[in-house]
PDB file of N, CA and C in Angstrom:
ATOM      1  N   MET A   1      56.920  71.238  19.819  1.00  0.00           N
ATOM      2  CA  MET A   1      56.404  69.883  19.736  1.00  0.00           C
ATOM      3  C   MET A   1      55.386  69.665  20.851  1.00  0.00           C
ATOM      4  N   VAL A   2      54.362  68.907  20.541  1.00  0.00           N
ATOM      5  CA  VAL A   2      53.348  68.522  21.520  1.00  0.00           C
ATOM      6  C   VAL A   2      53.416  67.018  21.711  1.00  0.00           C
ATOM      7  N   ARG A   3      53.355  66.597  22.969  1.00  0.00           N
ATOM      8  CA  ARG A   3      53.315  65.169  23.297  1.00  0.00           C
ATOM      9  C   ARG A   3      52.066  64.914  24.129  1.00  0.00           C
ATOM     10  N   VAL A   4      51.302  63.886  23.730  1.00  0.00           N
ATOM     11  CA  VAL A   4      50.150  63.459  24.523  1.00  0.00           C
ATOM     12  C   VAL A   4      50.282  61.973  24.823  1.00  0.00           C
ATOM     13  N   LYS A   5      49.713  61.577  25.942  1.00  0.00           N
ATOM     14  CA  LYS A   5      49.681  60.169  26.313  1.00  0.00           C
ATOM     15  C   LYS A   5      48.214  59.751  26.375  1.00  0.00           C
ATOM     16  N   VAL A   6      47.907  58.649  25.702  1.00  0.00           N
ATOM     17  CA  VAL A   6      46.534  58.153  25.652  1.00  0.00           C
ATOM     18  C   VAL A   6      46.479  56.780  26.309  1.00  0.00           C
ATOM     19  N   ASP A   7      45.610  56.654  27.300  1.00  0.00           N
ATOM     20  CA  ASP A   7      45.342  55.356  27.925  1.00  0.00           C
ATOM     21  C   ASP A   7      44.032  54.859  27.331  1.00  0.00           C
ATOM     22  N   PRO A   8      44.096  53.912  26.410  1.00  0.00           N
ATOM     23  CA  PRO A   8      42.901  53.495  25.691  1.00  0.00           C
ATOM     24  C   PRO A   8      41.951  52.594  26.476  1.00  0.00           C
ATOM     25  N   GLY A   9      42.336  52.186  27.663  1.00  0.00           N
ATOM     26  CA  GLY A   9      41.432  51.388  28.474  1.00  0.00           C
ATOM     27  C   GLY A   9      41.781  49.920  28.490  1.00  0.00           C
ATOM     28  N   ILE A  10      40.797  49.100  28.155  1.00  0.00           N
ATOM     29  CA  ILE A  10      40.882  47.664  28.369  1.00  0.00           C
ATOM     30  C   ILE A  10      42.035  46.986  27.632  1.00  0.00           C
ATOM     31  N   CYS A  11      42.440  47.473  26.486  1.00  0.00           N
ATOM     32  CA  CYS A  11      43.554  46.844  25.762  1.00  0.00           C
ATOM     33  C   CYS A  11      44.895  47.111  26.451  1.00  0.00           C
ATOM     34  N   ARG A  12      44.951  48.154  27.228  1.00  0.00           N
ATOM     35  CA  ARG A  12      46.139  48.516  28.028  1.00  0.00           C
ATOM     36  C   ARG A  12      47.358  48.912  27.201  1.00  0.00           C
ATOM     37  N   PHE A  13      47.168  49.221  25.927  1.00  0.00           N
ATOM     38  CA  PHE A  13      48.273  49.689  25.091  1.00  0.00           C
ATOM     39  C   PHE A  13      48.396  51.211  25.227  1.00  0.00           C
ATOM     40  N   VAL A  14      48.925  51.657  26.374  1.00  0.00           N
ATOM     41  CA  VAL A  14      49.130  53.089  26.581  1.00  0.00           C
ATOM     42  C   VAL A  14      50.023  53.595  25.447  1.00  0.00           C
ATOM     43  N   THR A  15      49.631  54.698  24.857  1.00  0.00           N
ATOM     44  CA  THR A  15      50.263  55.195  23.634  1.00  0.00           C
ATOM     45  C   THR A  15      50.720  56.632  23.817  1.00  0.00           C
ATOM     46  N   VAL A  16      51.897  56.943  23.299  1.00  0.00           N
ATOM     47  CA  VAL A  16      52.416  58.306  23.303  1.00  0.00           C
ATOM     48  C   VAL A  16      52.406  58.812  21.864  1.00  0.00           C
ATOM     49  N   ILE A  17      51.920  60.032  21.699  1.00  0.00           N
ATOM     50  CA  ILE A  17      51.825  60.650  20.377  1.00  0.00           C
ATOM     51  C   ILE A  17      52.611  61.949  20.396  1.00  0.00           C
ATOM     52  N   ASP A  18      53.559  62.090  19.482  1.00  0.00           N
ATOM     53  CA  ASP A  18      54.321  63.338  19.322  1.00  0.00           C
ATOM     54  C   ASP A  18      53.911  63.983  18.012  1.00  0.00           C
ATOM     55  N   VAL A  19      53.633  65.274  18.063  1.00  0.00           N
ATOM     56  CA  VAL A  19      53.316  66.032  16.848  1.00  0.00           C
ATOM     57  C   VAL A  19      54.238  67.247  16.814  1.00  0.00           C
ATOM     58  N   LYS A  20      54.867  67.433  15.664  1.00  0.00           N
ATOM     59  CA  LYS A  20      55.836  68.514  15.515  1.00  0.00           C
ATOM     60  C   LYS A  20      55.603  69.238  14.192  1.00  0.00           C
ATOM     61  N   LYS A  21      55.638  70.564  14.238  1.00  0.00           N
ATOM     62  CA  LYS A  21      55.570  71.359  13.012  1.00  0.00           C
ATOM     63  C   LYS A  21      56.875  71.199  12.256  1.00  0.00           C
ATOM     64  N   LEU A  22      56.799  70.853  10.994  1.00  0.00           N
ATOM     65  CA  LEU A  22      58.000  70.753  10.163  1.00  0.00           C
ATOM     66  C   LEU A  22      58.318  72.076   9.495  1.00  0.00           C
ATOM     67  N   THR A  23      57.296  72.883   9.296  1.00  0.00           N
ATOM     68  CA  THR A  23      57.477  74.207   8.714  1.00  0.00           C
ATOM     69  C   THR A  23      56.901  75.229   9.674  1.00  0.00           C
ATOM     70  N   ASP A  24      57.662  76.261   9.975  1.00  0.00           N
ATOM     71  CA  ASP A  24      57.172  77.284  10.890  1.00  0.00           C
ATOM     72  C   ASP A  24      56.145  78.166  10.198  1.00  0.00           C
ATOM     73  N   ASN A  25      56.473  78.642   9.021  1.00  0.00           N
ATOM     74  CA  ASN A  25      55.534  79.396   8.196  1.00  0.00           C
ATOM     75  C   ASN A  25      54.738  80.416   9.010  1.00  0.00           C
ATOM     76  N   SER A  26      55.418  81.172   9.865  1.00  0.00           N
ATOM     77  CA  SER A  26      54.730  82.104  10.759  1.00  0.00           C
ATOM     78  C   SER A  26      54.008  83.223  10.007  1.00  0.00           C
ATOM     79  N   ILE A  27      54.394  83.470   8.776  1.00  0.00           N
ATOM     80  CA  ILE A  27      53.707  84.497   7.980  1.00  0.00           C
ATOM     81  C   ILE A  27      52.423  83.921   7.388  1.00  0.00           C
ATOM     82  N   GLY A  28      52.437  82.657   7.001  1.00  0.00           N
ATOM     83  CA  GLY A  28      51.269  82.023   6.389  1.00  0.00           C
ATOM     84  C   GLY A  28      50.265  81.534   7.415  1.00  0.00           C
ATOM     85  N   ARG A  29      49.287  80.826   6.948  1.00  0.00           N
ATOM     86  CA  ARG A  29      48.225  80.310   7.813  1.00  0.00           C
ATOM     87  C   ARG A  29      48.690  79.055   8.539  1.00  0.00           C
ATOM     88  N   ALA A  30      48.235  78.913   9.780  1.00  0.00           N
ATOM     89  CA  ALA A  30      48.606  77.746  10.594  1.00  0.00           C
ATOM     90  C   ALA A  30      48.190  76.445   9.924  1.00  0.00           C
ATOM     91  N   ILE A  31      47.055  76.444   9.229  1.00  0.00           N
ATOM     92  CA  ILE A  31      46.567  75.207   8.622  1.00  0.00           C
ATOM     93  C   ILE A  31      47.387  74.761   7.423  1.00  0.00           C
ATOM     94  N   ASP A  32      48.266  75.634   6.937  1.00  0.00           N
ATOM     95  CA  ASP A  32      49.138  75.278   5.814  1.00  0.00           C
ATOM     96  C   ASP A  32      50.437  74.626   6.269  1.00  0.00           C
ATOM     97  N   ARG A  33      50.688  74.582   7.559  1.00  0.00           N
ATOM     98  CA  ARG A  33      51.926  73.999   8.077  1.00  0.00           C
ATOM     99  C   ARG A  33      51.939  72.489   7.889  1.00  0.00           C
ATOM    100  N   GLU A  34      53.127  71.968   7.654  1.00  0.00           N
ATOM    101  CA  GLU A  34      53.284  70.517   7.558  1.00  0.00           C
ATOM    102  C   GLU A  34      53.610  69.977   8.942  1.00  0.00           C
ATOM    103  N   LEU A  35      52.978  68.862   9.296  1.00  0.00           N
ATOM    104  CA  LEU A  35      53.162  68.245  10.604  1.00  0.00           C
ATOM    105  C   LEU A  35      53.787  66.865  10.462  1.00  0.00           C
ATOM    106  N   GLU A  36      54.565  66.511  11.468  1.00  0.00           N
ATOM    107  CA  GLU A  36      55.104  65.162  11.583  1.00  0.00           C
ATOM    108  C   GLU A  36      54.462  64.521  12.808  1.00  0.00           C
ATOM    109  N   VAL A  37      53.924  63.325  12.618  1.00  0.00           N
ATOM    110  CA  VAL A  37      53.261  62.615  13.709  1.00  0.00           C
ATOM    111  C   VAL A  37      54.016  61.314  13.968  1.00  0.00           C
ATOM    112  N   LYS A  38      54.382  61.104  15.233  1.00  0.00           N
ATOM    113  CA  LYS A  38      55.025  59.855  15.632  1.00  0.00           C
ATOM    114  C   LYS A  38      54.184  59.228  16.740  1.00  0.00           C
ATOM    115  N   ILE A  39      53.905  57.931  16.583  1.00  0.00           N
ATOM    116  CA  ILE A  39      53.100  57.201  17.549  1.00  0.00           C
ATOM    117  C   ILE A  39      53.945  56.076  18.132  1.00  0.00           C
ATOM    118  N   TYR A  40      54.008  56.040  19.460  1.00  0.00           N
ATOM    119  CA  TYR A  40      54.771  55.018  20.172  1.00  0.00           C
ATOM    120  C   TYR A  40      53.783  54.167  20.970  1.00  0.00           C
ATOM    121  N   SER A  41      53.675  52.894  20.591  1.00  0.00           N
ATOM    122  CA  SER A  41      52.691  52.022  21.229  1.00  0.00           C
ATOM    123  C   SER A  41      53.087  50.563  21.029  1.00  0.00           C
ATOM    124  N   GLY A  42      52.629  49.732  21.925  1.00  0.00           N
ATOM    125  CA  GLY A  42      52.816  48.295  21.767  1.00  0.00           C
ATOM    126  C   GLY A  42      51.714  47.661  20.939  1.00  0.00           C
ATOM    127  N   CYS A  43      50.746  48.449  20.519  1.00  0.00           N
ATOM    128  CA  CYS A  43      49.620  47.920  19.744  1.00  0.00           C
ATOM    129  C   CYS A  43      50.032  47.679  18.293  1.00  0.00           C
ATOM    130  N   PRO A  44      49.967  46.442  17.816  1.00  0.00           N
ATOM    131  CA  PRO A  44      50.360  46.158  16.430  1.00  0.00           C
ATOM    132  C   PRO A  44      49.403  46.778  15.400  1.00  0.00           C
ATOM    133  N   ASN A  45      48.173  47.057  15.812  1.00  0.00           N
ATOM    134  CA  ASN A  45      47.213  47.651  14.882  1.00  0.00           C
ATOM    135  C   ASN A  45      47.543  49.099  14.536  1.00  0.00           C
ATOM    136  N   LEU A  46      48.365  49.740  15.360  1.00  0.00           N
ATOM    137  CA  LEU A  46      48.684  51.143  15.114  1.00  0.00           C
ATOM    138  C   LEU A  46      49.830  51.349  14.133  1.00  0.00           C
ATOM    139  N   ASP A  47      50.532  50.298  13.752  1.00  0.00           N
ATOM    140  CA  ASP A  47      51.675  50.440  12.841  1.00  0.00           C
ATOM    141  C   ASP A  47      51.271  51.054  11.497  1.00  0.00           C
ATOM    142  N   ALA A  48      50.289  50.486  10.850  1.00  0.00           N
ATOM    143  CA  ALA A  48      49.859  50.991   9.537  1.00  0.00           C
ATOM    144  C   ALA A  48      49.243  52.382   9.671  1.00  0.00           C
ATOM    145  N   PHE A  49      48.486  52.599  10.722  1.00  0.00           N
ATOM    146  CA  PHE A  49      47.880  53.915  10.968  1.00  0.00           C
ATOM    147  C   PHE A  49      48.968  54.968  11.123  1.00  0.00           C
ATOM    148  N   SER A  50      49.965  54.664  11.932  1.00  0.00           N
ATOM    149  CA  SER A  50      51.065  55.595  12.177  1.00  0.00           C
ATOM    150  C   SER A  50      51.799  55.949  10.885  1.00  0.00           C
ATOM    151  N   GLN A  51      52.072  54.963  10.056  1.00  0.00           N
ATOM    152  CA  GLN A  51      52.750  55.212   8.784  1.00  0.00           C
ATOM    153  C   GLN A  51      51.889  56.060   7.851  1.00  0.00           C
ATOM    154  N   ALA A  52      50.581  55.841   7.887  1.00  0.00           N
ATOM    155  CA  ALA A  52      49.671  56.541   6.981  1.00  0.00           C
ATOM    156  C   ALA A  52      49.521  58.022   7.303  1.00  0.00           C
ATOM    157  N   ILE A  53      49.817  58.400   8.547  1.00  0.00           N
ATOM    158  CA  ILE A  53      49.664  59.810   8.934  1.00  0.00           C
ATOM    159  C   ILE A  53      50.986  60.435   9.384  1.00  0.00           C
ATOM    160  N   ALA A  54      52.099  59.832   9.055  1.00  0.00           N
ATOM    161  CA  ALA A  54      53.409  60.287   9.543  1.00  0.00           C
ATOM    162  C   ALA A  54      53.705  61.744   9.183  1.00  0.00           C
ATOM    163  N   LYS A  55      53.307  62.172   8.004  1.00  0.00           N
ATOM    164  CA  LYS A  55      53.466  63.568   7.587  1.00  0.00           C
ATOM    165  C   LYS A  55      52.195  64.003   6.880  1.00  0.00           C
ATOM    166  N   MET A  56      51.734  65.204   7.250  1.00  0.00           N
ATOM    167  CA  MET A  56      50.517  65.731   6.624  1.00  0.00           C
ATOM    168  C   MET A  56      50.413  67.226   6.865  1.00  0.00           C
ATOM    169  N   LYS A  57      49.589  67.869   6.087  1.00  0.00           N
ATOM    170  CA  LYS A  57      49.280  69.279   6.304  1.00  0.00           C
ATOM    171  C   LYS A  57      48.381  69.385   7.528  1.00  0.00           C
ATOM    172  N   ALA A  58      48.533  70.465   8.271  1.00  0.00           N
ATOM    173  CA  ALA A  58      47.725  70.661   9.475  1.00  0.00           C
ATOM    174  C   ALA A  58      46.234  70.626   9.151  1.00  0.00           C
ATOM    175  N   LEU A  59      45.839  71.198   8.034  1.00  0.00           N
ATOM    176  CA  LEU A  59      44.423  71.193   7.660  1.00  0.00           C
ATOM    177  C   LEU A  59      43.875  69.783   7.561  1.00  0.00           C
ATOM    178  N   ASP A  60      44.684  68.849   7.074  1.00  0.00           N
ATOM    179  CA  ASP A  60      44.241  67.459   6.950  1.00  0.00           C
ATOM    180  C   ASP A  60      43.902  66.847   8.304  1.00  0.00           C
ATOM    181  N   ALA A  61      44.533  67.346   9.363  1.00  0.00           N
ATOM    182  CA  ALA A  61      44.330  66.794  10.704  1.00  0.00           C
ATOM    183  C   ALA A  61      43.210  67.478  11.470  1.00  0.00           C
ATOM    184  N   VAL A  62      42.908  68.728  11.133  1.00  0.00           N
ATOM    185  CA  VAL A  62      41.909  69.467  11.911  1.00  0.00           C
ATOM    186  C   VAL A  62      40.651  69.782  11.113  1.00  0.00           C
ATOM    187  N   ASN A  63      40.539  69.212   9.946  1.00  0.00           N
ATOM    188  CA  ASN A  63      39.384  69.438   9.080  1.00  0.00           C
ATOM    189  C   ASN A  63      38.122  68.807   9.661  1.00  0.00           C
ATOM    190  N   LEU A  64      36.992  69.117   9.091  1.00  0.00           N
ATOM    191  CA  LEU A  64      35.725  68.499   9.504  1.00  0.00           C
ATOM    192  C   LEU A  64      35.818  66.979   9.374  1.00  0.00           C
ATOM    193  N   PRO A  65      35.054  66.222  10.152  1.00  0.00           N
ATOM    194  CA  PRO A  65      35.176  64.755  10.132  1.00  0.00           C
ATOM    195  C   PRO A  65      35.120  64.121   8.742  1.00  0.00           C
ATOM    196  N   LYS A  66      34.239  64.592   7.863  1.00  0.00           N
ATOM    197  CA  LYS A  66      34.121  63.946   6.546  1.00  0.00           C
ATOM    198  C   LYS A  66      35.331  64.185   5.653  1.00  0.00           C
ATOM    199  N   ALA A  67      36.162  65.180   5.981  1.00  0.00           N
ATOM    200  CA  ALA A  67      37.352  65.479   5.187  1.00  0.00           C
ATOM    201  C   ALA A  67      38.643  65.315   5.997  1.00  0.00           C
ATOM    202  N   ASN A  68      38.564  64.745   7.173  1.00  0.00           N
ATOM    203  CA  ASN A  68      39.705  64.638   8.071  1.00  0.00           C
ATOM    204  C   ASN A  68      40.563  63.423   7.716  1.00  0.00           C
ATOM    205  N   LEU A  69      41.814  63.666   7.362  1.00  0.00           N
ATOM    206  CA  LEU A  69      42.719  62.594   6.945  1.00  0.00           C
ATOM    207  C   LEU A  69      42.988  61.599   8.072  1.00  0.00           C
ATOM    208  N   VAL A  70      43.111  62.077   9.297  1.00  0.00           N
ATOM    209  CA  VAL A  70      43.358  61.187  10.432  1.00  0.00           C
ATOM    210  C   VAL A  70      42.207  60.191  10.568  1.00  0.00           C
ATOM    211  N   LEU A  71      40.988  60.678  10.496  1.00  0.00           N
ATOM    212  CA  LEU A  71      39.823  59.788  10.616  1.00  0.00           C
ATOM    213  C   LEU A  71      39.711  58.842   9.422  1.00  0.00           C
ATOM    214  N   LYS A  72      40.015  59.333   8.236  1.00  0.00           N
ATOM    215  CA  LYS A  72      39.983  58.469   7.044  1.00  0.00           C
ATOM    216  C   LYS A  72      40.993  57.325   7.172  1.00  0.00           C
ATOM    217  N   ARG A  73      42.208  57.651   7.596  1.00  0.00           N
ATOM    218  CA  ARG A  73      43.231  56.612   7.750  1.00  0.00           C
ATOM    219  C   ARG A  73      42.891  55.657   8.888  1.00  0.00           C
ATOM    220  N   ALA A  74      42.245  56.141   9.916  1.00  0.00           N
ATOM    221  CA  ALA A  74      41.806  55.265  11.008  1.00  0.00           C
ATOM    222  C   ALA A  74      40.796  54.243  10.500  1.00  0.00           C
ATOM    223  N   VAL A  75      39.854  54.688   9.691  1.00  0.00           N
ATOM    224  CA  VAL A  75      38.848  53.785   9.122  1.00  0.00           C
ATOM    225  C   VAL A  75      39.520  52.723   8.254  1.00  0.00           C
ATOM    226  N   GLU A  76      40.543  53.120   7.519  1.00  0.00           N
ATOM    227  CA  GLU A  76      41.241  52.204   6.610  1.00  0.00           C
ATOM    228  C   GLU A  76      42.142  51.199   7.331  1.00  0.00           C
ATOM    229  N   THR A  77      42.666  51.574   8.504  1.00  0.00           N
ATOM    230  CA  THR A  77      43.722  50.750   9.100  1.00  0.00           C
ATOM    231  C   THR A  77      43.413  50.155  10.470  1.00  0.00           C
ATOM    232  N   LEU A  78      42.457  50.697  11.202  1.00  0.00           N
ATOM    233  CA  LEU A  78      42.224  50.237  12.571  1.00  0.00           C
ATOM    234  C   LEU A  78      40.983  49.345  12.670  1.00  0.00           C
ATOM    235  N   PRO A  79      41.073  48.238  13.396  1.00  0.00           N
ATOM    236  CA  PRO A  79      39.939  47.322  13.503  1.00  0.00           C
ATOM    237  C   PRO A  79      38.903  47.712  14.556  1.00  0.00           C
ATOM    238  N   HIS A  80      39.242  48.640  15.442  1.00  0.00           N
ATOM    239  CA  HIS A  80      38.323  48.992  16.531  1.00  0.00           C
ATOM    240  C   HIS A  80      37.826  50.426  16.382  1.00  0.00           C
ATOM    241  N   SER A  81      36.537  50.595  16.168  1.00  0.00           N
ATOM    242  CA  SER A  81      35.988  51.937  15.962  1.00  0.00           C
ATOM    243  C   SER A  81      36.037  52.797  17.211  1.00  0.00           C
ATOM    244  N   SER A  82      36.166  52.190  18.383  1.00  0.00           N
ATOM    245  CA  SER A  82      36.205  52.981  19.618  1.00  0.00           C
ATOM    246  C   SER A  82      37.632  53.320  20.066  1.00  0.00           C
ATOM    247  N   CYS A  83      38.623  53.009  19.267  1.00  0.00           N
ATOM    248  CA  CYS A  83      40.006  53.323  19.611  1.00  0.00           C
ATOM    249  C   CYS A  83      40.160  54.846  19.767  1.00  0.00           C
ATOM    250  N   PRO A  84      40.657  55.307  20.927  1.00  0.00           N
ATOM    251  CA  PRO A  84      40.780  56.755  21.142  1.00  0.00           C
ATOM    252  C   PRO A  84      42.056  57.376  20.569  1.00  0.00           C
ATOM    253  N   ILE A  85      42.919  56.582  19.981  1.00  0.00           N
ATOM    254  CA  ILE A  85      44.191  57.110  19.480  1.00  0.00           C
ATOM    255  C   ILE A  85      43.986  58.151  18.372  1.00  0.00           C
ATOM    256  N   PRO A  86      43.116  57.924  17.382  1.00  0.00           N
ATOM    257  CA  PRO A  86      42.915  58.972  16.376  1.00  0.00           C
ATOM    258  C   PRO A  86      42.475  60.310  16.976  1.00  0.00           C
ATOM    259  N   CYS A  87      41.614  60.268  17.966  1.00  0.00           N
ATOM    260  CA  CYS A  87      41.191  61.498  18.637  1.00  0.00           C
ATOM    261  C   CYS A  87      42.375  62.165  19.319  1.00  0.00           C
ATOM    262  N   GLY A  88      43.242  61.365  19.941  1.00  0.00           N
ATOM    263  CA  GLY A  88      44.447  61.908  20.563  1.00  0.00           C
ATOM    264  C   GLY A  88      45.360  62.579  19.557  1.00  0.00           C
ATOM    265  N   VAL A  89      45.475  61.991  18.373  1.00  0.00           N
ATOM    266  CA  VAL A  89      46.290  62.592  17.308  1.00  0.00           C
ATOM    267  C   VAL A  89      45.711  63.949  16.914  1.00  0.00           C
ATOM    268  N   ILE A  90      44.415  64.009  16.713  1.00  0.00           N
ATOM    269  CA  ILE A  90      43.770  65.264  16.308  1.00  0.00           C
ATOM    270  C   ILE A  90      43.954  66.330  17.380  1.00  0.00           C
ATOM    271  N   LYS A  91      43.751  65.965  18.650  1.00  0.00           N
ATOM    272  CA  LYS A  91      43.921  66.920  19.751  1.00  0.00           C
ATOM    273  C   LYS A  91      45.365  67.442  19.785  1.00  0.00           C
ATOM    274  N   ALA A  92      46.342  66.561  19.593  1.00  0.00           N
ATOM    275  CA  ALA A  92      47.742  66.974  19.610  1.00  0.00           C
ATOM    276  C   ALA A  92      48.050  67.906  18.434  1.00  0.00           C
ATOM    277  N   CYS A  93      47.510  67.597  17.266  1.00  0.00           N
ATOM    278  CA  CYS A  93      47.720  68.448  16.090  1.00  0.00           C
ATOM    279  C   CYS A  93      47.119  69.836  16.315  1.00  0.00           C
ATOM    280  N   GLU A  94      45.919  69.882  16.857  1.00  0.00           N
ATOM    281  CA  GLU A  94      45.284  71.175  17.146  1.00  0.00           C
ATOM    282  C   GLU A  94      46.142  72.006  18.089  1.00  0.00           C
ATOM    283  N   ALA A  95      46.658  71.386  19.131  1.00  0.00           N
ATOM    284  CA  ALA A  95      47.485  72.103  20.097  1.00  0.00           C
ATOM    285  C   ALA A  95      48.798  72.577  19.464  1.00  0.00           C
ATOM    286  N   GLU A  96      49.396  71.747  18.628  1.00  0.00           N
ATOM    287  CA  GLU A  96      50.686  72.092  18.018  1.00  0.00           C
ATOM    288  C   GLU A  96      50.580  73.314  17.109  1.00  0.00           C
ATOM    289  N   ILE A  97      49.452  73.483  16.435  1.00  0.00           N
ATOM    290  CA  ILE A  97      49.322  74.643  15.540  1.00  0.00           C
ATOM    291  C   ILE A  97      48.594  75.817  16.195  1.00  0.00           C
ATOM    292  N   GLY A  98      48.267  75.679  17.483  1.00  0.00           N
ATOM    293  CA  GLY A  98      47.639  76.789  18.199  1.00  0.00           C
ATOM    294  C   GLY A  98      46.142  76.885  18.047  1.00  0.00           C
ATOM    295  N   PHE A  99      45.503  75.826  17.589  1.00  0.00           N
ATOM    296  CA  PHE A  99      44.048  75.816  17.440  1.00  0.00           C
ATOM    297  C   PHE A  99      43.324  75.361  18.703  1.00  0.00           C
ATOM    298  N   ALA A 100      44.067  74.848  19.666  1.00  0.00           N
ATOM    299  CA  ALA A 100      43.462  74.376  20.916  1.00  0.00           C
ATOM    300  C   ALA A 100      44.452  74.568  22.053  1.00  0.00           C
ATOM    301  N   LEU A 101      43.912  74.766  23.232  1.00  0.00           N
ATOM    302  CA  LEU A 101      44.746  74.830  24.423  1.00  0.00           C
ATOM    303  C   LEU A 101      45.094  73.419  24.854  1.00  0.00           C
ATOM    304  N   LYS A 102      46.221  73.288  25.532  1.00  0.00           N
ATOM    305  CA  LYS A 102      46.649  71.977  26.025  1.00  0.00           C
ATOM    306  C   LYS A 102      45.888  71.682  27.322  1.00  0.00           C
ATOM    307  N   ARG A 103      44.799  70.947  27.170  1.00  0.00           N
ATOM    308  CA  ARG A 103      43.997  70.567  28.329  1.00  0.00           C
ATOM    309  C   ARG A 103      43.585  69.111  28.178  1.00  0.00           C
ATOM    310  N   ASP A 104      43.688  68.369  29.269  1.00  0.00           N
ATOM    311  CA  ASP A 104      43.348  66.946  29.254  1.00  0.00           C
ATOM    312  C   ASP A 104      41.863  66.735  28.970  1.00  0.00           C
ATOM    313  N   SER A 105      41.566  65.616  28.335  1.00  0.00           N
ATOM    314  CA  SER A 105      40.182  65.185  28.145  1.00  0.00           C
ATOM    315  C   SER A 105      40.104  63.733  28.600  1.00  0.00           C
ATOM    316  N   SER A 106      38.904  63.245  28.850  1.00  0.00           N
ATOM    317  CA  SER A 106      38.781  61.866  29.332  1.00  0.00           C
ATOM    318  C   SER A 106      37.399  61.301  29.026  1.00  0.00           C
ATOM    319  N   ILE A 107      37.316  59.987  29.101  1.00  0.00           N
ATOM    320  CA  ILE A 107      36.064  59.251  28.999  1.00  0.00           C
ATOM    321  C   ILE A 107      36.001  58.368  30.227  1.00  0.00           C
ATOM    322  N   SER A 108      34.938  58.459  30.995  1.00  0.00           N
ATOM    323  CA  SER A 108      34.830  57.675  32.224  1.00  0.00           C
ATOM    324  C   SER A 108      33.480  56.975  32.282  1.00  0.00           C
ATOM    325  N   PHE A 109      33.506  55.731  32.752  1.00  0.00           N
ATOM    326  CA  PHE A 109      32.266  55.003  32.982  1.00  0.00           C
ATOM    327  C   PHE A 109      31.752  55.356  34.381  1.00  0.00           C
ATOM    328  N   GLU A 110      30.484  55.711  34.470  1.00  0.00           N
ATOM    329  CA  GLU A 110      29.907  56.076  35.751  1.00  0.00           C
ATOM    330  C   GLU A 110      28.686  55.213  36.035  1.00  0.00           C
ATOM    331  N   GLY A 111      28.364  55.075  37.294  1.00  0.00           N
ATOM    332  CA  GLY A 111      27.142  54.379  37.672  1.00  0.00           C
ATOM    333  C   GLY A 111      27.298  52.874  37.806  1.00  0.00           C
ATOM    334  N   SER A 112      28.473  52.349  37.520  1.00  0.00           N
ATOM    335  CA  SER A 112      28.724  50.930  37.689  1.00  0.00           C
ATOM    336  C   SER A 112      30.203  50.749  37.976  1.00  0.00           C
ATOM    337  N   LYS A 113      30.526  49.594  38.462  1.00  0.00           N
ATOM    338  CA  LYS A 113      31.930  49.319  38.764  1.00  0.00           C
ATOM    339  C   LYS A 113      32.668  49.018  37.470  1.00  0.00           C
ATOM    340  N   ALA A 114      33.606  49.888  37.111  1.00  0.00           N
ATOM    341  CA  ALA A 114      34.367  49.706  35.882  1.00  0.00           C
ATOM    342  C   ALA A 114      35.463  48.673  36.082  1.00  0.00           C
ATOM    343  N   THR A 115      35.834  47.986  35.027  1.00  0.00           N
ATOM    344  CA  THR A 115      36.928  47.005  35.070  1.00  0.00           C
ATOM    345  C   THR A 115      38.245  47.740  35.217  1.00  0.00           C
ATOM    346  N   GLN A 116      39.054  47.293  36.137  1.00  0.00           N
ATOM    347  CA  GLN A 116      40.354  47.951  36.361  1.00  0.00           C
ATOM    348  C   GLN A 116      41.439  47.278  35.619  1.00  0.00           C
TER     349      GLN A 116
END
């Protein structure tokens, strides 16, 4: 299982995302594995998003943007296009199936005093 924590910034709804392989399928391809995604957040906007991606094939999560199920469900359910939670879900899915190393990423405002 992979767990990531996302601090989305100004809304302050720090979110934890757990991704777990439901099928090991070590003989088959990693992208054929079924994943379970759980999102823990105080943000009410994430409820429908979380339900929409609760179980999916790994390929659906790591596919190109135009075919990515996580991004499609984000467009359908989330009101803020800059919400970093969908990106966090994709990063966690990639790590869980071995497509990415577990390394932190961030977005930082530079050159001006950021709101704390």
